[in-house]
Protein backbone atom coordinates (compact mmCIF):
# COMPACT_ATOMS: atom_id res chain seq x y z
CA MET A 1 61.93 -36.53 40.63
CA LYS A 2 61.09 -33.93 43.29
CA PHE A 3 62.98 -30.78 42.78
CA LEU A 4 62.03 -28.69 45.73
CA ILE A 5 65.24 -26.73 46.32
CA THR A 6 66.72 -26.05 49.77
CA SER A 7 66.71 -22.31 49.17
CA VAL A 8 62.99 -22.23 49.69
CA LEU A 9 63.47 -23.19 53.19
CA VAL A 10 66.23 -20.52 53.75
CA LEU A 11 63.64 -17.80 53.79
CA GLY A 12 62.34 -18.99 57.14
CA ALA A 13 65.65 -18.13 58.74
CA THR A 14 65.41 -14.50 57.78
CA VAL A 15 62.66 -13.60 60.24
CA LEU A 16 64.10 -10.84 62.13
CA PRO A 17 66.50 -12.94 64.30
CA VAL A 18 67.14 -10.24 66.76
CA MET A 19 63.43 -9.86 67.44
CA ALA A 20 62.33 -13.38 67.09
CA GLN A 21 61.20 -14.81 70.45
CA ASP A 22 58.89 -17.74 70.38
CA ALA A 23 58.62 -18.33 74.14
CA GLU A 24 57.68 -15.76 76.70
CA PRO A 25 60.53 -14.20 78.40
CA PRO A 26 61.13 -14.95 82.01
CA ALA A 27 59.72 -12.56 84.45
CA GLN A 28 62.17 -10.02 85.68
CA ALA A 29 62.31 -8.99 89.34
CA THR A 30 61.96 -5.35 90.06
CA LEU A 31 64.96 -4.20 91.90
CA PRO A 32 65.61 -0.71 93.37
CA PHE A 33 68.05 1.28 91.32
CA PRO A 34 71.02 2.61 93.42
CA ALA A 35 70.42 6.22 94.03
CA ASP A 36 74.23 7.06 93.75
CA ALA A 37 74.74 5.16 90.50
CA ASN A 38 75.88 7.18 87.57
CA TYR A 39 75.69 4.25 85.07
CA GLY A 40 73.59 1.32 84.09
CA TYR A 41 72.71 -1.25 81.39
CA ILE A 42 70.08 -2.59 79.35
CA ASP A 43 69.47 -5.92 77.55
CA LEU A 44 68.52 -4.78 74.11
CA GLN A 45 67.44 -8.38 73.11
CA ARG A 46 64.85 -8.18 75.94
CA VAL A 47 63.80 -4.73 74.90
CA LEU A 48 63.05 -6.00 71.38
CA ALA A 49 61.34 -9.04 72.74
CA GLU A 50 59.20 -7.62 75.47
CA SER A 51 58.25 -4.11 74.11
CA ALA A 52 55.05 -3.75 72.14
CA GLU A 53 56.99 -2.06 69.36
CA GLY A 54 59.50 -4.96 68.96
CA GLN A 55 56.55 -7.54 69.00
CA VAL A 56 54.63 -5.73 66.32
CA ALA A 57 57.68 -5.45 64.11
CA ASN A 58 58.38 -9.19 64.54
CA GLY A 59 54.89 -10.00 63.72
CA LYS A 60 55.02 -8.03 60.46
CA VAL A 61 58.21 -9.83 59.29
CA GLN A 62 56.86 -13.18 60.23
CA GLU A 63 53.58 -12.45 58.34
CA LEU A 64 55.51 -11.33 55.07
CA THR A 65 57.66 -14.41 55.61
CA ASP A 66 54.65 -16.78 55.83
CA GLN A 67 53.14 -15.19 52.76
CA LYS A 68 56.30 -15.66 50.68
CA LEU A 69 56.93 -19.16 51.78
CA ALA A 70 53.23 -19.96 50.67
CA GLU A 71 53.87 -18.31 47.25
CA LEU A 72 57.05 -20.31 46.82
CA GLU A 73 55.49 -23.57 47.78
CA ALA A 74 52.61 -22.93 45.40
CA ARG A 75 54.93 -22.11 42.48
CA ASN A 76 57.10 -25.01 43.24
CA GLN A 77 54.17 -27.43 43.07
CA GLU A 78 52.97 -25.83 39.89
CA LEU A 79 56.45 -26.42 38.19
CA GLN A 80 56.79 -29.84 39.77
CA GLY A 81 53.33 -30.76 38.23
CA ARG A 82 54.75 -29.84 34.70
CA ILE A 83 57.78 -32.05 35.21
CA ASP A 84 55.78 -34.89 36.53
CA SER A 85 53.55 -34.75 33.39
CA ALA A 86 56.53 -34.80 31.12
CA ASN A 87 57.96 -37.69 33.09
CA LEU A 88 54.76 -39.61 32.67
CA GLN A 89 54.83 -39.09 28.86
CA LEU A 90 58.49 -40.35 28.94
CA GLN A 91 57.67 -43.41 30.89
CA GLU A 92 54.71 -44.21 28.60
CA SER A 93 56.90 -43.91 25.46
CA GLN A 94 59.62 -46.02 27.09
CA LEU A 95 57.09 -48.71 27.99
CA LYS A 96 55.59 -48.56 24.51
CA LEU A 97 59.00 -49.12 22.99
CA ALA A 98 59.84 -52.04 25.27
CA GLN A 99 56.51 -53.74 24.64
CA GLY A 100 56.62 -53.23 20.96
CA GLU A 101 60.19 -54.16 20.37
CA THR A 102 59.33 -57.25 18.33
CA VAL A 103 56.30 -55.91 16.48
CA LEU A 104 57.10 -52.30 15.62
CA SER A 105 58.70 -51.62 12.35
CA ALA A 106 62.10 -50.19 12.14
CA GLU A 107 60.72 -46.88 11.15
CA ALA A 108 58.24 -46.97 14.06
CA ARG A 109 60.96 -47.86 16.47
CA LEU A 110 63.20 -45.09 15.25
CA SER A 111 60.43 -42.52 15.53
CA LEU A 112 59.63 -43.77 19.07
CA GLN A 113 63.30 -43.51 20.03
CA ARG A 114 63.49 -40.03 18.85
CA GLU A 115 60.34 -39.08 20.81
CA ILE A 116 61.89 -40.56 23.93
CA GLN A 117 65.07 -38.64 23.40
CA ARG A 118 63.04 -35.45 22.93
CA LEU A 119 61.10 -36.12 26.06
CA GLN A 120 64.41 -36.76 28.05
CA LEU A 121 65.70 -33.53 26.95
CA GLU A 122 62.35 -31.71 27.71
CA VAL A 123 62.34 -33.04 31.31
CA GLN A 124 65.95 -32.09 31.76
CA ARG A 125 65.28 -28.58 30.39
CA GLN A 126 62.08 -28.17 32.58
CA SER A 127 64.03 -29.36 35.69
CA GLN A 128 66.86 -26.95 35.07
CA ASP A 129 64.47 -24.07 34.25
CA ALA A 130 62.44 -24.82 37.42
CA GLN A 131 65.59 -24.89 39.56
CA ALA A 132 66.66 -21.44 38.08
CA GLU A 133 63.27 -19.96 38.63
CA MET A 134 62.90 -21.14 42.20
CA GLU A 135 66.37 -19.76 43.12
CA ARG A 136 65.50 -16.46 41.61
CA ILE A 137 62.14 -16.01 43.25
CA THR A 138 63.49 -17.31 46.50
CA GLN A 139 66.38 -14.60 46.34
CA ASP A 140 63.65 -11.93 45.48
CA ALA A 141 61.60 -13.09 48.51
CA GLU A 142 64.49 -13.04 50.85
CA THR A 143 65.45 -9.51 49.66
CA GLU A 144 61.94 -8.21 50.32
CA VAL A 145 61.68 -9.75 53.80
CA GLY A 146 65.25 -8.40 54.47
CA GLU A 147 64.29 -4.85 53.31
CA LEU A 148 61.26 -4.90 55.49
CA GLN A 149 63.31 -6.14 58.47
CA GLN A 150 66.00 -3.30 57.91
CA GLN A 151 63.27 -0.69 57.73
CA LEU A 152 61.49 -1.98 60.78
CA GLN A 153 64.85 -2.00 62.71
CA ILE A 154 65.59 1.58 61.67
CA ASP A 155 62.04 2.60 62.91
CA PHE A 156 62.52 0.73 66.09
CA GLU A 157 65.88 2.36 66.88
CA THR A 158 64.26 5.85 66.06
CA ARG A 159 61.67 5.16 68.71
CA LEU A 160 64.17 3.44 71.19
CA GLN A 161 66.53 6.33 71.38
CA PRO A 162 64.00 8.88 73.05
CA ALA A 163 63.07 6.06 75.42
CA ILE A 164 66.58 5.35 76.49
CA GLU A 165 67.27 9.19 76.97
CA THR A 166 64.14 9.52 79.09
CA VAL A 167 65.25 6.64 81.37
CA ALA A 168 68.85 8.00 81.76
CA THR A 169 67.59 11.46 82.41
CA ALA A 170 65.12 10.22 85.11
CA ARG A 171 67.76 8.08 86.72
CA GLY A 172 70.45 10.87 86.50
CA ILE A 173 73.00 8.47 84.94
CA ASP A 174 75.91 9.31 82.52
CA PHE A 175 76.39 5.96 80.79
CA LEU A 176 74.10 3.08 79.75
CA PHE A 177 75.58 -0.14 78.45
CA ASN A 178 74.06 -2.84 76.32
CA VAL A 179 74.78 -6.19 77.71
CA GLY A 180 74.24 -7.83 74.27
CA GLN A 181 77.46 -6.24 72.68
CA GLY A 182 79.67 -8.88 74.30
CA GLY A 183 81.93 -6.46 76.28
CA LEU A 184 80.03 -6.90 79.51
CA VAL A 185 80.43 -10.26 81.28
CA TRP A 186 78.76 -9.48 84.62
CA ALA A 187 76.88 -6.64 86.02
CA ASN A 188 75.01 -5.91 89.25
CA PRO A 189 71.36 -6.66 88.65
CA LEU A 190 70.42 -3.49 90.45
CA LEU A 191 71.78 -1.46 87.53
CA ASP A 192 69.47 -3.27 85.12
CA LEU A 193 67.30 -0.65 83.46
CA THR A 194 65.85 -2.88 80.72
CA ALA A 195 62.27 -2.92 82.22
CA ASP A 196 62.48 0.97 82.59
CA VAL A 197 63.22 1.28 78.86
CA VAL A 198 60.66 -1.24 77.81
CA GLU A 199 58.15 0.77 79.88
CA ALA A 200 59.23 4.09 78.44
CA LEU A 201 59.25 2.64 74.85
CA ASN A 202 55.64 1.31 75.39
CA SER A 203 54.54 4.52 76.85
CA SER A 204 55.84 6.52 73.96
CA SER A 205 54.27 4.05 71.45
CA GLU A 206 50.86 4.42 73.10
CA ALA A 207 51.08 8.23 73.18
CA ALA A 208 52.07 8.25 69.44
CA PRO A 209 49.33 9.04 66.98
CA GLN A 210 48.14 5.88 65.22
């Protein structure tokens, strides 16, 4: 009986979904921004994926996630080993009872039957306890990863805002939209300032004291 619970695998889904980008983003053509435009837009998903700041944040979350998954797997194997050992004792007692059915005394058979019942309850109890423990430590791990993700998101947004203001001021625009919010279904590619914001964010990160 393998009791590896599915919630162990849930942790992998918590890896900064906004920032997680396994593949390299497609190259974006550099287009001249209209001189008379007073608004533009950015793709925040691309800013997160392409900026050094976003990549570092995603790496930190991935590192913690991998660490927690390894810890969960190690604990799961340890608990499973205990259950397997108890199961083995149970099987040996059941086999002993079956093989000695005709030669064991009534008292010996009764004693063995009681031992089998005890082992069955022990296996059941260990399985239930292990399930509860794995659910608890998985929840704790998910909480820890979620807290890190939330803090990194706050830090990222703190650094992002000045970069956005720098680009908006340099371009002389009044409005800057985010295409990822669902309200924008089409926009002129000439108004895309995503690359500018990524560049400004990277520049501010390089200039910031380490």
